[in-house]
PDB file of all heavy atoms in Angstrom:
ATOM      1  N   PRO A   1       3.040 -19.376   9.258  1.00  0.00           N
ATOM      2  CA  PRO A   1       4.478 -19.023   8.952  1.00  0.00           C
ATOM      3  C   PRO A   1       4.762 -19.163   7.436  1.00  0.00           C
ATOM      4  O   PRO A   1       5.521 -18.441   6.838  1.00  0.00           O
ATOM      5  CB  PRO A   1       5.132 -19.923   9.860  1.00  0.00           C
ATOM      6  CG  PRO A   1       4.257 -20.203  11.010  1.00  0.00           C
ATOM      7  CD  PRO A   1       2.968 -20.287  10.358  1.00  0.00           C
ATOM      8  N   GLU A   2       4.307 -20.282   6.866  1.00  0.00           N
ATOM      9  CA  GLU A   2       4.634 -20.571   5.432  1.00  0.00           C
ATOM     10  C   GLU A   2       3.895 -19.514   4.570  1.00  0.00           C
ATOM     11  O   GLU A   2       4.484 -19.111   3.627  1.00  0.00           O
ATOM     12  CB  GLU A   2       4.275 -22.020   5.060  1.00  0.00           C
ATOM     13  CG  GLU A   2       4.652 -22.218   3.636  1.00  0.00           C
ATOM     14  CD  GLU A   2       4.539 -23.713   3.193  1.00  0.00           C
ATOM     15  OE1 GLU A   2       3.842 -24.452   3.898  1.00  0.00           O
ATOM     16  OE2 GLU A   2       5.113 -24.084   2.192  1.00  0.00           O
ATOM     17  N   LEU A   3       2.698 -19.223   4.981  1.00  0.00           N
ATOM     18  CA  LEU A   3       1.959 -18.195   4.158  1.00  0.00           C
ATOM     19  C   LEU A   3       2.681 -16.872   4.225  1.00  0.00           C
ATOM     20  O   LEU A   3       2.848 -16.103   3.115  1.00  0.00           O
ATOM     21  CB  LEU A   3       0.571 -18.041   4.613  1.00  0.00           C
ATOM     22  CG  LEU A   3      -0.394 -19.225   4.384  1.00  0.00           C
ATOM     23  CD1 LEU A   3      -1.631 -18.997   5.270  1.00  0.00           C
ATOM     24  CD2 LEU A   3      -0.798 -19.187   2.867  1.00  0.00           C
ATOM     25  N   LEU A   4       3.239 -16.465   5.333  1.00  0.00           N
ATOM     26  CA  LEU A   4       4.039 -15.252   5.443  1.00  0.00           C
ATOM     27  C   LEU A   4       5.297 -15.306   4.726  1.00  0.00           C
ATOM     28  O   LEU A   4       5.745 -14.318   4.142  1.00  0.00           O
ATOM     29  CB  LEU A   4       4.203 -14.930   6.929  1.00  0.00           C
ATOM     30  CG  LEU A   4       4.293 -13.389   7.356  1.00  0.00           C
ATOM     31  CD1 LEU A   4       3.009 -12.692   6.795  1.00  0.00           C
ATOM     32  CD2 LEU A   4       4.367 -13.290   8.773  1.00  0.00           C
ATOM     33  N   ARG A   5       5.980 -16.517   4.621  1.00  0.00           N
ATOM     34  CA  ARG A   5       7.150 -16.656   3.841  1.00  0.00           C
ATOM     35  C   ARG A   5       6.793 -16.520   2.372  1.00  0.00           C
ATOM     36  O   ARG A   5       7.634 -15.876   1.586  1.00  0.00           O
ATOM     37  CB  ARG A   5       7.774 -18.057   4.115  1.00  0.00           C
ATOM     38  CG  ARG A   5       8.512 -18.192   5.515  1.00  0.00           C
ATOM     39  CD  ARG A   5       9.362 -19.363   5.598  1.00  0.00           C
ATOM     40  NE  ARG A   5       8.639 -20.655   5.382  1.00  0.00           N
ATOM     41  CZ  ARG A   5       8.107 -21.349   6.323  1.00  0.00           C
ATOM     42  NH1 ARG A   5       8.143 -20.908   7.572  1.00  0.00           N
ATOM     43  NH2 ARG A   5       7.514 -22.508   5.975  1.00  0.00           N
ATOM     44  N   TYR A   6       5.719 -16.999   2.038  1.00  0.00           N
ATOM     45  CA  TYR A   6       5.319 -16.886   0.510  1.00  0.00           C
ATOM     46  C   TYR A   6       5.050 -15.428   0.221  1.00  0.00           C
ATOM     47  O   TYR A   6       5.498 -14.877  -0.831  1.00  0.00           O
ATOM     48  CB  TYR A   6       3.973 -17.602   0.300  1.00  0.00           C
ATOM     49  CG  TYR A   6       3.297 -17.412  -1.070  1.00  0.00           C
ATOM     50  CD1 TYR A   6       3.892 -17.891  -2.196  1.00  0.00           C
ATOM     51  CD2 TYR A   6       2.155 -16.709  -1.123  1.00  0.00           C
ATOM     52  CE1 TYR A   6       3.322 -17.737  -3.437  1.00  0.00           C
ATOM     53  CE2 TYR A   6       1.545 -16.498  -2.411  1.00  0.00           C
ATOM     54  CZ  TYR A   6       2.208 -17.023  -3.532  1.00  0.00           C
ATOM     55  OH  TYR A   6       1.586 -16.757  -4.783  1.00  0.00           O
ATOM     56  N   ILE A   7       4.307 -14.732   1.086  1.00  0.00           N
ATOM     57  CA  ILE A   7       4.039 -13.292   0.824  1.00  0.00           C
ATOM     58  C   ILE A   7       5.322 -12.477   0.810  1.00  0.00           C
ATOM     59  O   ILE A   7       5.553 -11.677  -0.072  1.00  0.00           O
ATOM     60  CB  ILE A   7       3.139 -12.757   2.011  1.00  0.00           C
ATOM     61  CG1 ILE A   7       1.795 -13.362   1.852  1.00  0.00           C
ATOM     62  CG2 ILE A   7       3.054 -11.248   2.010  1.00  0.00           C
ATOM     63  CD1 ILE A   7       0.820 -13.199   3.070  1.00  0.00           C
ATOM     64  N   ASP A   8       6.282 -12.887   1.692  1.00  0.00           N
ATOM     65  CA  ASP A   8       7.623 -12.260   1.734  1.00  0.00           C
ATOM     66  C   ASP A   8       8.354 -12.440   0.399  1.00  0.00           C
ATOM     67  O   ASP A   8       8.990 -11.570  -0.177  1.00  0.00           O
ATOM     68  CB  ASP A   8       8.451 -12.652   2.917  1.00  0.00           C
ATOM     69  CG  ASP A   8       9.877 -12.221   2.829  1.00  0.00           C
ATOM     70  OD1 ASP A   8      10.191 -10.966   2.986  1.00  0.00           O
ATOM     71  OD2 ASP A   8      10.776 -13.078   2.602  1.00  0.00           O
ATOM     72  N   PHE A   9       8.301 -13.737  -0.008  1.00  0.00           N
ATOM     73  CA  PHE A   9       8.916 -14.066  -1.292  1.00  0.00           C
ATOM     74  C   PHE A   9       8.406 -13.277  -2.523  1.00  0.00           C
ATOM     75  O   PHE A   9       9.069 -12.760  -3.322  1.00  0.00           O
ATOM     76  CB  PHE A   9       8.668 -15.576  -1.557  1.00  0.00           C
ATOM     77  CG  PHE A   9       9.137 -16.069  -2.888  1.00  0.00           C
ATOM     78  CD1 PHE A   9      10.540 -16.256  -3.185  1.00  0.00           C
ATOM     79  CD2 PHE A   9       8.241 -16.321  -3.908  1.00  0.00           C
ATOM     80  CE1 PHE A   9      10.902 -16.593  -4.360  1.00  0.00           C
ATOM     81  CE2 PHE A   9       8.642 -16.717  -5.195  1.00  0.00           C
ATOM     82  CZ  PHE A   9       9.991 -16.933  -5.445  1.00  0.00           C
ATOM     83  N   VAL A  10       7.046 -13.199  -2.641  1.00  0.00           N
ATOM     84  CA  VAL A  10       6.398 -12.459  -3.608  1.00  0.00           C
ATOM     85  C   VAL A  10       6.826 -10.898  -3.528  1.00  0.00           C
ATOM     86  O   VAL A  10       7.261 -10.244  -4.576  1.00  0.00           O
ATOM     87  CB  VAL A  10       4.885 -12.610  -3.615  1.00  0.00           C
ATOM     88  CG1 VAL A  10       4.222 -11.673  -4.642  1.00  0.00           C
ATOM     89  CG2 VAL A  10       4.511 -14.032  -3.845  1.00  0.00           C
ATOM     90  N   ALA A  11       6.717 -10.465  -2.358  1.00  0.00           N
ATOM     91  CA  ALA A  11       7.099  -8.935  -2.197  1.00  0.00           C
ATOM     92  C   ALA A  11       8.513  -8.679  -2.568  1.00  0.00           C
ATOM     93  O   ALA A  11       8.903  -7.607  -3.141  1.00  0.00           O
ATOM     94  CB  ALA A  11       6.785  -8.523  -0.798  1.00  0.00           C
ATOM     95  N   THR A  12       9.446  -9.582  -2.132  1.00  0.00           N
ATOM     96  CA  THR A  12      10.812  -9.369  -2.422  1.00  0.00           C
ATOM     97  C   THR A  12      11.152  -9.548  -3.993  1.00  0.00           C
ATOM     98  O   THR A  12      11.844  -8.860  -4.551  1.00  0.00           O
ATOM     99  CB  THR A  12      11.633 -10.324  -1.514  1.00  0.00           C
ATOM    100  OG1 THR A  12      11.384 -10.037  -0.212  1.00  0.00           O
ATOM    101  CG2 THR A  12      13.152 -10.139  -1.848  1.00  0.00           C
ATOM    102  N   ARG A  13      10.584 -10.631  -4.495  1.00  0.00           N
ATOM    103  CA  ARG A  13      10.824 -11.109  -5.841  1.00  0.00           C
ATOM    104  C   ARG A  13      10.339  -9.888  -6.824  1.00  0.00           C
ATOM    105  O   ARG A  13      11.054  -9.548  -7.791  1.00  0.00           O
ATOM    106  CB  ARG A  13      10.029 -12.291  -6.204  1.00  0.00           C
ATOM    107  CG  ARG A  13      10.157 -12.872  -7.563  1.00  0.00           C
ATOM    108  CD  ARG A  13      11.549 -13.235  -7.956  1.00  0.00           C
ATOM    109  NE  ARG A  13      11.597 -14.042  -9.235  1.00  0.00           N
ATOM    110  CZ  ARG A  13      11.489 -13.419 -10.451  1.00  0.00           C
ATOM    111  NH1 ARG A  13      11.378 -12.101 -10.565  1.00  0.00           N
ATOM    112  NH2 ARG A  13      11.486 -14.112 -11.506  1.00  0.00           N
ATOM    113  N   LEU A  14       9.219  -9.266  -6.417  1.00  0.00           N
ATOM    114  CA  LEU A  14       8.688  -8.214  -7.275  1.00  0.00           C
ATOM    115  C   LEU A  14       8.969  -6.848  -6.853  1.00  0.00           C
ATOM    116  O   LEU A  14       8.492  -5.788  -7.386  1.00  0.00           O
ATOM    117  CB  LEU A  14       7.195  -8.368  -7.443  1.00  0.00           C
ATOM    118  CG  LEU A  14       6.700  -9.822  -7.933  1.00  0.00           C
ATOM    119  CD1 LEU A  14       5.180  -9.879  -7.950  1.00  0.00           C
ATOM    120  CD2 LEU A  14       7.256 -10.111  -9.463  1.00  0.00           C
ATOM    121  N   ASP A  15       9.806  -6.689  -5.758  1.00  0.00           N
ATOM    122  CA  ASP A  15      10.185  -5.418  -5.257  1.00  0.00           C
ATOM    123  C   ASP A  15       9.064  -4.454  -4.979  1.00  0.00           C
ATOM    124  O   ASP A  15       8.984  -3.255  -5.246  1.00  0.00           O
ATOM    125  CB  ASP A  15      11.179  -4.722  -6.226  1.00  0.00           C
ATOM    126  CG  ASP A  15      12.004  -3.547  -5.595  1.00  0.00           C
ATOM    127  OD1 ASP A  15      12.010  -3.464  -4.338  1.00  0.00           O
ATOM    128  OD2 ASP A  15      12.441  -2.721  -6.354  1.00  0.00           O
ATOM    129  N   LEU A  16       8.091  -4.990  -4.201  1.00  0.00           N
ATOM    130  CA  LEU A  16       6.814  -4.281  -3.940  1.00  0.00           C
ATOM    131  C   LEU A  16       6.985  -3.396  -2.666  1.00  0.00           C
ATOM    132  O   LEU A  16       6.199  -2.288  -2.717  1.00  0.00           O
ATOM    133  CB  LEU A  16       5.778  -5.243  -3.692  1.00  0.00           C
ATOM    134  CG  LEU A  16       5.358  -6.313  -4.817  1.00  0.00           C
ATOM    135  CD1 LEU A  16       4.202  -7.149  -4.393  1.00  0.00           C
ATOM    136  CD2 LEU A  16       5.039  -5.511  -6.084  1.00  0.00           C
ATOM    137  N   ARG A  17       7.833  -3.640  -1.756  1.00  0.00           N
ATOM    138  CA  ARG A  17       7.827  -2.938  -0.532  1.00  0.00           C
ATOM    139  C   ARG A  17       8.189  -1.499  -0.762  1.00  0.00           C
ATOM    140  O   ARG A  17       7.851  -0.589   0.104  1.00  0.00           O
ATOM    141  CB  ARG A  17       8.787  -3.570   0.513  1.00  0.00           C
ATOM    142  CG  ARG A  17       8.251  -4.860   1.084  1.00  0.00           C
ATOM    143  CD  ARG A  17       9.201  -5.354   2.145  1.00  0.00           C
ATOM    144  NE  ARG A  17       8.716  -6.585   2.810  1.00  0.00           N
ATOM    145  CZ  ARG A  17       9.063  -7.807   2.415  1.00  0.00           C
ATOM    146  NH1 ARG A  17       9.780  -7.997   1.316  1.00  0.00           N
ATOM    147  NH2 ARG A  17       8.537  -8.920   3.047  1.00  0.00           N
ATOM    148  N   ARG A  18       8.980  -1.207  -1.728  1.00  0.00           N
ATOM    149  CA  ARG A  18       9.435   0.199  -1.931  1.00  0.00           C
ATOM    150  C   ARG A  18       8.155   1.103  -2.248  1.00  0.00           C
ATOM    151  O   ARG A  18       8.361   2.378  -2.133  1.00  0.00           O
ATOM    152  CB  ARG A  18      10.457   0.385  -3.052  1.00  0.00           C
ATOM    153  CG  ARG A  18       9.950   0.035  -4.550  1.00  0.00           C
ATOM    154  CD  ARG A  18      11.125  -0.126  -5.524  1.00  0.00           C
ATOM    155  NE  ARG A  18      10.671  -0.563  -6.764  1.00  0.00           N
ATOM    156  CZ  ARG A  18      10.439   0.297  -7.712  1.00  0.00           C
ATOM    157  NH1 ARG A  18      10.429   1.626  -7.577  1.00  0.00           N
ATOM    158  NH2 ARG A  18       9.981  -0.144  -8.912  1.00  0.00           N
ATOM    159  N   HIS A  19       7.106   0.548  -2.556  1.00  0.00           N
ATOM    160  CA  HIS A  19       5.878   1.407  -2.916  1.00  0.00           C
ATOM    161  C   HIS A  19       5.024   1.555  -1.705  1.00  0.00           C
ATOM    162  O   HIS A  19       3.962   2.260  -1.756  1.00  0.00           O
ATOM    163  CB  HIS A  19       5.091   0.735  -4.113  1.00  0.00           C
ATOM    164  CG  HIS A  19       5.839   0.641  -5.351  1.00  0.00           C
ATOM    165  ND1 HIS A  19       6.185   1.729  -6.093  1.00  0.00           N
ATOM    166  CD2 HIS A  19       6.408  -0.450  -5.894  1.00  0.00           C
ATOM    167  CE1 HIS A  19       6.897   1.424  -7.192  1.00  0.00           C
ATOM    168  NE2 HIS A  19       7.047  -0.003  -7.070  1.00  0.00           N
ATOM    169  N   PHE A  20       5.319   0.887  -0.562  1.00  0.00           N
ATOM    170  CA  PHE A  20       4.573   0.857   0.676  1.00  0.00           C
ATOM    171  C   PHE A  20       5.043   1.825   1.568  1.00  0.00           C
ATOM    172  O   PHE A  20       6.351   1.910   1.864  1.00  0.00           O
ATOM    173  CB  PHE A  20       4.376  -0.544   1.247  1.00  0.00           C
ATOM    174  CG  PHE A  20       3.328  -1.393   0.589  1.00  0.00           C
ATOM    175  CD1 PHE A  20       3.712  -2.163  -0.481  1.00  0.00           C
ATOM    176  CD2 PHE A  20       2.088  -1.344   1.063  1.00  0.00           C
ATOM    177  CE1 PHE A  20       2.803  -3.051  -0.997  1.00  0.00           C
ATOM    178  CE2 PHE A  20       1.129  -2.213   0.477  1.00  0.00           C
ATOM    179  CZ  PHE A  20       1.526  -3.011  -0.605  1.00  0.00           C
ATOM    180  N   GLN A  21       4.226   2.466   2.337  1.00  0.00           N
ATOM    181  CA  GLN A  21       4.511   3.207   3.594  1.00  0.00           C
ATOM    182  C   GLN A  21       3.857   2.462   4.661  1.00  0.00           C
ATOM    183  O   GLN A  21       2.623   2.498   4.894  1.00  0.00           O
ATOM    184  CB  GLN A  21       4.039   4.720   3.494  1.00  0.00           C
ATOM    185  CG  GLN A  21       4.378   5.474   4.774  1.00  0.00           C
ATOM    186  CD  GLN A  21       4.253   6.961   4.598  1.00  0.00           C
ATOM    187  OE1 GLN A  21       4.671   7.540   3.629  1.00  0.00           O
ATOM    188  NE2 GLN A  21       3.412   7.560   5.503  1.00  0.00           N
ATOM    189  N   PHE A  22       4.696   1.778   5.631  1.00  0.00           N
ATOM    190  CA  PHE A  22       4.117   0.922   6.646  1.00  0.00           C
ATOM    191  C   PHE A  22       3.944   1.732   7.950  1.00  0.00           C
ATOM    192  O   PHE A  22       4.290   2.934   8.025  1.00  0.00           O
ATOM    193  CB  PHE A  22       5.130  -0.192   6.910  1.00  0.00           C
ATOM    194  CG  PHE A  22       5.265  -1.099   5.692  1.00  0.00           C
ATOM    195  CD1 PHE A  22       6.508  -1.103   4.925  1.00  0.00           C
ATOM    196  CD2 PHE A  22       4.320  -1.963   5.299  1.00  0.00           C
ATOM    197  CE1 PHE A  22       6.667  -1.901   3.848  1.00  0.00           C
ATOM    198  CE2 PHE A  22       4.395  -2.808   4.227  1.00  0.00           C
ATOM    199  CZ  PHE A  22       5.663  -2.898   3.476  1.00  0.00           C
ATOM    200  N   SER A  23       3.329   1.116   8.833  1.00  0.00           N
ATOM    201  CA  SER A  23       2.996   1.786  10.197  1.00  0.00           C
ATOM    202  C   SER A  23       2.181   3.010   9.952  1.00  0.00           C
ATOM    203  O   SER A  23       2.389   3.951  10.752  1.00  0.00           O
ATOM    204  CB  SER A  23       4.247   1.907  11.017  1.00  0.00           C
ATOM    205  OG  SER A  23       4.972   0.781  11.161  1.00  0.00           O
ATOM    206  N   THR A  24       1.370   2.993   8.927  1.00  0.00           N
ATOM    207  CA  THR A  24       0.592   4.248   8.534  1.00  0.00           C
ATOM    208  C   THR A  24      -0.887   3.902   8.308  1.00  0.00           C
ATOM    209  O   THR A  24      -1.221   2.850   7.567  1.00  0.00           O
ATOM    210  CB  THR A  24       1.158   4.755   7.331  1.00  0.00           C
ATOM    211  OG1 THR A  24       2.563   5.048   7.392  1.00  0.00           O
ATOM    212  CG2 THR A  24       0.417   6.112   6.895  1.00  0.00           C
ATOM    213  N   ARG A  25      -1.729   4.632   8.977  1.00  0.00           N
ATOM    214  CA  ARG A  25      -3.122   4.423   8.837  1.00  0.00           C
ATOM    215  C   ARG A  25      -3.727   5.646   8.125  1.00  0.00           C
ATOM    216  O   ARG A  25      -3.423   6.820   8.383  1.00  0.00           O
ATOM    217  CB  ARG A  25      -3.843   4.329  10.143  1.00  0.00           C
ATOM    218  CG  ARG A  25      -3.639   3.055  10.891  1.00  0.00           C
ATOM    219  CD  ARG A  25      -4.462   2.864  12.057  1.00  0.00           C
ATOM    220  NE  ARG A  25      -4.178   1.520  12.770  1.00  0.00           N
ATOM    221  CZ  ARG A  25      -4.720   0.392  12.443  1.00  0.00           C
ATOM    222  NH1 ARG A  25      -5.635   0.341  11.361  1.00  0.00           N
ATOM    223  NH2 ARG A  25      -4.509  -0.764  13.020  1.00  0.00           N
ATOM    224  N   VAL A  26      -4.601   5.393   7.141  1.00  0.00           N
ATOM    225  CA  VAL A  26      -5.376   6.463   6.491  1.00  0.00           C
ATOM    226  C   VAL A  26      -6.454   6.895   7.393  1.00  0.00           C
ATOM    227  O   VAL A  26      -7.207   6.037   7.884  1.00  0.00           O
ATOM    228  CB  VAL A  26      -5.874   6.017   5.166  1.00  0.00           C
ATOM    229  CG1 VAL A  26      -6.881   6.984   4.465  1.00  0.00           C
ATOM    230  CG2 VAL A  26      -4.762   5.639   4.111  1.00  0.00           C
ATOM    231  N   GLU A  27      -6.522   8.230   7.673  1.00  0.00           N
ATOM    232  CA  GLU A  27      -7.563   8.715   8.469  1.00  0.00           C
ATOM    233  C   GLU A  27      -8.749   9.298   7.735  1.00  0.00           C
ATOM    234  O   GLU A  27      -9.898   9.420   8.274  1.00  0.00           O
ATOM    235  CB  GLU A  27      -6.911   9.715   9.497  1.00  0.00           C
ATOM    236  CG  GLU A  27      -5.950   9.187  10.420  1.00  0.00           C
ATOM    237  CD  GLU A  27      -5.586  10.162  11.585  1.00  0.00           C
ATOM    238  OE1 GLU A  27      -5.701  11.337  11.317  1.00  0.00           O
ATOM    239  OE2 GLU A  27      -5.208   9.657  12.662  1.00  0.00           O
ATOM    240  N   SER A  28      -8.484   9.824   6.492  1.00  0.00           N
ATOM    241  CA  SER A  28      -9.567  10.336   5.721  1.00  0.00           C
ATOM    242  C   SER A  28      -9.275  10.339   4.232  1.00  0.00           C
ATOM    243  O   SER A  28      -8.133  10.359   3.886  1.00  0.00           O
ATOM    244  CB  SER A  28      -9.872  11.781   6.108  1.00  0.00           C
ATOM    245  OG  SER A  28      -8.808  12.668   5.754  1.00  0.00           O
ATOM    246  N   ALA A  29     -10.296  10.232   3.375  1.00  0.00           N
ATOM    247  CA  ALA A  29     -10.118  10.306   1.940  1.00  0.00           C
ATOM    248  C   ALA A  29     -11.360  11.065   1.533  1.00  0.00           C
ATOM    249  O   ALA A  29     -12.436  10.755   1.669  1.00  0.00           O
ATOM    250  CB  ALA A  29     -10.174   8.908   1.396  1.00  0.00           C
ATOM    251  N   VAL A  30     -10.989  12.218   0.862  1.00  0.00           N
ATOM    252  CA  VAL A  30     -12.120  13.130   0.508  1.00  0.00           C
ATOM    253  C   VAL A  30     -11.949  13.569  -1.002  1.00  0.00           C
ATOM    254  O   VAL A  30     -10.890  13.826  -1.520  1.00  0.00           O
ATOM    255  CB  VAL A  30     -11.966  14.453   1.400  1.00  0.00           C
ATOM    256  CG1 VAL A  30     -13.067  15.508   0.952  1.00  0.00           C
ATOM    257  CG2 VAL A  30     -11.991  14.180   2.838  1.00  0.00           C
ATOM    258  N   TRP A  31     -13.156  13.333  -1.676  1.00  0.00           N
ATOM    259  CA  TRP A  31     -13.173  13.735  -3.075  1.00  0.00           C
ATOM    260  C   TRP A  31     -13.254  15.233  -3.391  1.00  0.00           C
ATOM    261  O   TRP A  31     -14.119  15.807  -2.783  1.00  0.00           O
ATOM    262  CB  TRP A  31     -14.302  12.969  -3.665  1.00  0.00           C
ATOM    263  CG  TRP A  31     -14.650  13.280  -5.256  1.00  0.00           C
ATOM    264  CD1 TRP A  31     -15.683  14.007  -5.703  1.00  0.00           C
ATOM    265  CD2 TRP A  31     -13.862  12.899  -6.296  1.00  0.00           C
ATOM    266  NE1 TRP A  31     -15.663  14.022  -7.040  1.00  0.00           N
ATOM    267  CE2 TRP A  31     -14.484  13.342  -7.460  1.00  0.00           C
ATOM    268  CE3 TRP A  31     -12.702  12.156  -6.443  1.00  0.00           C
ATOM    269  CZ2 TRP A  31     -13.945  13.131  -8.825  1.00  0.00           C
ATOM    270  CZ3 TRP A  31     -12.121  11.922  -7.677  1.00  0.00           C
ATOM    271  CH2 TRP A  31     -12.794  12.390  -8.846  1.00  0.00           C
ATOM    272  N   ASP A  32     -12.449  15.691  -4.207  1.00  0.00           N
ATOM    273  CA  ASP A  32     -12.490  17.057  -4.684  1.00  0.00           C
ATOM    274  C   ASP A  32     -13.126  16.998  -6.060  1.00  0.00           C
ATOM    275  O   ASP A  32     -12.497  16.723  -7.099  1.00  0.00           O
ATOM    276  CB  ASP A  32     -11.033  17.559  -4.778  1.00  0.00           C
ATOM    277  CG  ASP A  32     -10.981  19.033  -5.162  1.00  0.00           C
ATOM    278  OD1 ASP A  32     -11.870  19.560  -5.825  1.00  0.00           O
ATOM    279  OD2 ASP A  32     -10.058  19.764  -4.558  1.00  0.00           O
ATOM    280  N   GLU A  33     -14.301  17.574  -6.163  1.00  0.00           N
ATOM    281  CA  GLU A  33     -15.148  17.378  -7.382  1.00  0.00           C
ATOM    282  C   GLU A  33     -14.527  18.347  -8.463  1.00  0.00           C
ATOM    283  O   GLU A  33     -14.395  17.933  -9.667  1.00  0.00           O
ATOM    284  CB  GLU A  33     -16.582  17.886  -7.136  1.00  0.00           C
ATOM    285  CG  GLU A  33     -17.470  17.893  -8.296  1.00  0.00           C
ATOM    286  CD  GLU A  33     -17.782  16.532  -8.926  1.00  0.00           C
ATOM    287  OE1 GLU A  33     -17.491  15.424  -8.271  1.00  0.00           O
ATOM    288  OE2 GLU A  33     -18.285  16.396 -10.105  1.00  0.00           O
ATOM    289  N   GLU A  34     -14.088  19.531  -8.064  1.00  0.00           N
ATOM    290  CA  GLU A  34     -13.594  20.444  -9.016  1.00  0.00           C
ATOM    291  C   GLU A  34     -12.280  19.869  -9.700  1.00  0.00           C
ATOM    292  O   GLU A  34     -12.117  20.078 -10.791  1.00  0.00           O
ATOM    293  CB  GLU A  34     -13.423  21.851  -8.441  1.00  0.00           C
ATOM    294  CG  GLU A  34     -12.814  22.920  -9.361  1.00  0.00           C
ATOM    295  CD  GLU A  34     -13.808  23.231 -10.502  1.00  0.00           C
ATOM    296  OE1 GLU A  34     -15.005  23.048 -10.211  1.00  0.00           O
ATOM    297  OE2 GLU A  34     -13.338  23.536 -11.538  1.00  0.00           O
ATOM    298  N   ARG A  35     -11.368  19.394  -8.811  1.00  0.00           N
ATOM    299  CA  ARG A  35     -10.060  18.951  -9.359  1.00  0.00           C
ATOM    300  C   ARG A  35     -10.054  17.503  -9.748  1.00  0.00           C
ATOM    301  O   ARG A  35      -9.068  16.994 -10.211  1.00  0.00           O
ATOM    302  CB  ARG A  35      -9.033  19.191  -8.234  1.00  0.00           C
ATOM    303  CG  ARG A  35      -8.916  20.789  -7.987  1.00  0.00           C
ATOM    304  CD  ARG A  35      -8.084  21.075  -6.763  1.00  0.00           C
ATOM    305  NE  ARG A  35      -6.766  20.606  -6.871  1.00  0.00           N
ATOM    306  CZ  ARG A  35      -6.035  20.008  -5.973  1.00  0.00           C
ATOM    307  NH1 ARG A  35      -6.579  19.931  -4.680  1.00  0.00           N
ATOM    308  NH2 ARG A  35      -4.823  19.616  -6.201  1.00  0.00           N
ATOM    309  N   GLN A  36     -11.278  16.789  -9.430  1.00  0.00           N
ATOM    310  CA  GLN A  36     -11.289  15.419  -9.778  1.00  0.00           C
ATOM    311  C   GLN A  36     -10.118  14.497  -9.222  1.00  0.00           C
ATOM    312  O   GLN A  36      -9.546  13.839  -9.919  1.00  0.00           O
ATOM    313  CB  GLN A  36     -11.441  15.206 -11.366  1.00  0.00           C
ATOM    314  CG  GLN A  36     -12.676  15.808 -11.890  1.00  0.00           C
ATOM    315  CD  GLN A  36     -12.718  15.652 -13.398  1.00  0.00           C
ATOM    316  OE1 GLN A  36     -11.782  16.044 -14.168  1.00  0.00           O
ATOM    317  NE2 GLN A  36     -13.802  15.209 -13.928  1.00  0.00           N
ATOM    318  N   LEU A  37     -10.060  14.658  -7.951  1.00  0.00           N
ATOM    319  CA  LEU A  37      -9.102  13.792  -7.269  1.00  0.00           C
ATOM    320  C   LEU A  37      -9.426  13.576  -5.860  1.00  0.00           C
ATOM    321  O   LEU A  37     -10.320  14.247  -5.240  1.00  0.00           O
ATOM    322  CB  LEU A  37      -7.632  14.420  -7.363  1.00  0.00           C
ATOM    323  CG  LEU A  37      -7.469  15.964  -6.781  1.00  0.00           C
ATOM    324  CD1 LEU A  37      -7.374  15.979  -5.326  1.00  0.00           C
ATOM    325  CD2 LEU A  37      -6.123  16.489  -7.491  1.00  0.00           C
ATOM    326  N   TRP A  38      -8.749  12.593  -5.294  1.00  0.00           N
ATOM    327  CA  TRP A  38      -8.983  12.202  -3.797  1.00  0.00           C
ATOM    328  C   TRP A  38      -7.845  12.802  -3.051  1.00  0.00           C
ATOM    329  O   TRP A  38      -6.633  12.694  -3.343  1.00  0.00           O
ATOM    330  CB  TRP A  38      -8.994  10.698  -3.584  1.00  0.00           C
ATOM    331  CG  TRP A  38     -10.174  10.111  -4.063  1.00  0.00           C
ATOM    332  CD1 TRP A  38     -10.594   9.674  -5.268  1.00  0.00           C
ATOM    333  CD2 TRP A  38     -11.490   9.965  -3.299  1.00  0.00           C
ATOM    334  NE1 TRP A  38     -11.726   9.179  -5.449  1.00  0.00           N
ATOM    335  CE2 TRP A  38     -12.471   9.386  -4.146  1.00  0.00           C
ATOM    336  CE3 TRP A  38     -11.807  10.298  -1.982  1.00  0.00           C
ATOM    337  CZ2 TRP A  38     -13.752   9.074  -3.759  1.00  0.00           C
ATOM    338  CZ3 TRP A  38     -13.002  10.042  -1.532  1.00  0.00           C
ATOM    339  CH2 TRP A  38     -14.030   9.366  -2.464  1.00  0.00           C
ATOM    340  N   THR A  39      -8.197  13.428  -1.908  1.00  0.00           N
ATOM    341  CA  THR A  39      -7.200  13.948  -0.933  1.00  0.00           C
ATOM    342  C   THR A  39      -7.237  12.946   0.252  1.00  0.00           C
ATOM    343  O   THR A  39      -8.262  12.813   0.976  1.00  0.00           O
ATOM    344  CB  THR A  39      -7.495  15.369  -0.429  1.00  0.00           C
ATOM    345  OG1 THR A  39      -7.553  16.218  -1.559  1.00  0.00           O
ATOM    346  CG2 THR A  39      -6.597  15.841   0.597  1.00  0.00           C
TER     347      THR A  39
END
């Protein structure tokens, strides 16, 4: 519980949650050689 409070403190203090999409699983990551990016 204290570790989770610390993590919450850091996330809130640094406003990190706005960059997260929660309840979401990545199902695939595929490299596009021509466009040099990950889909």
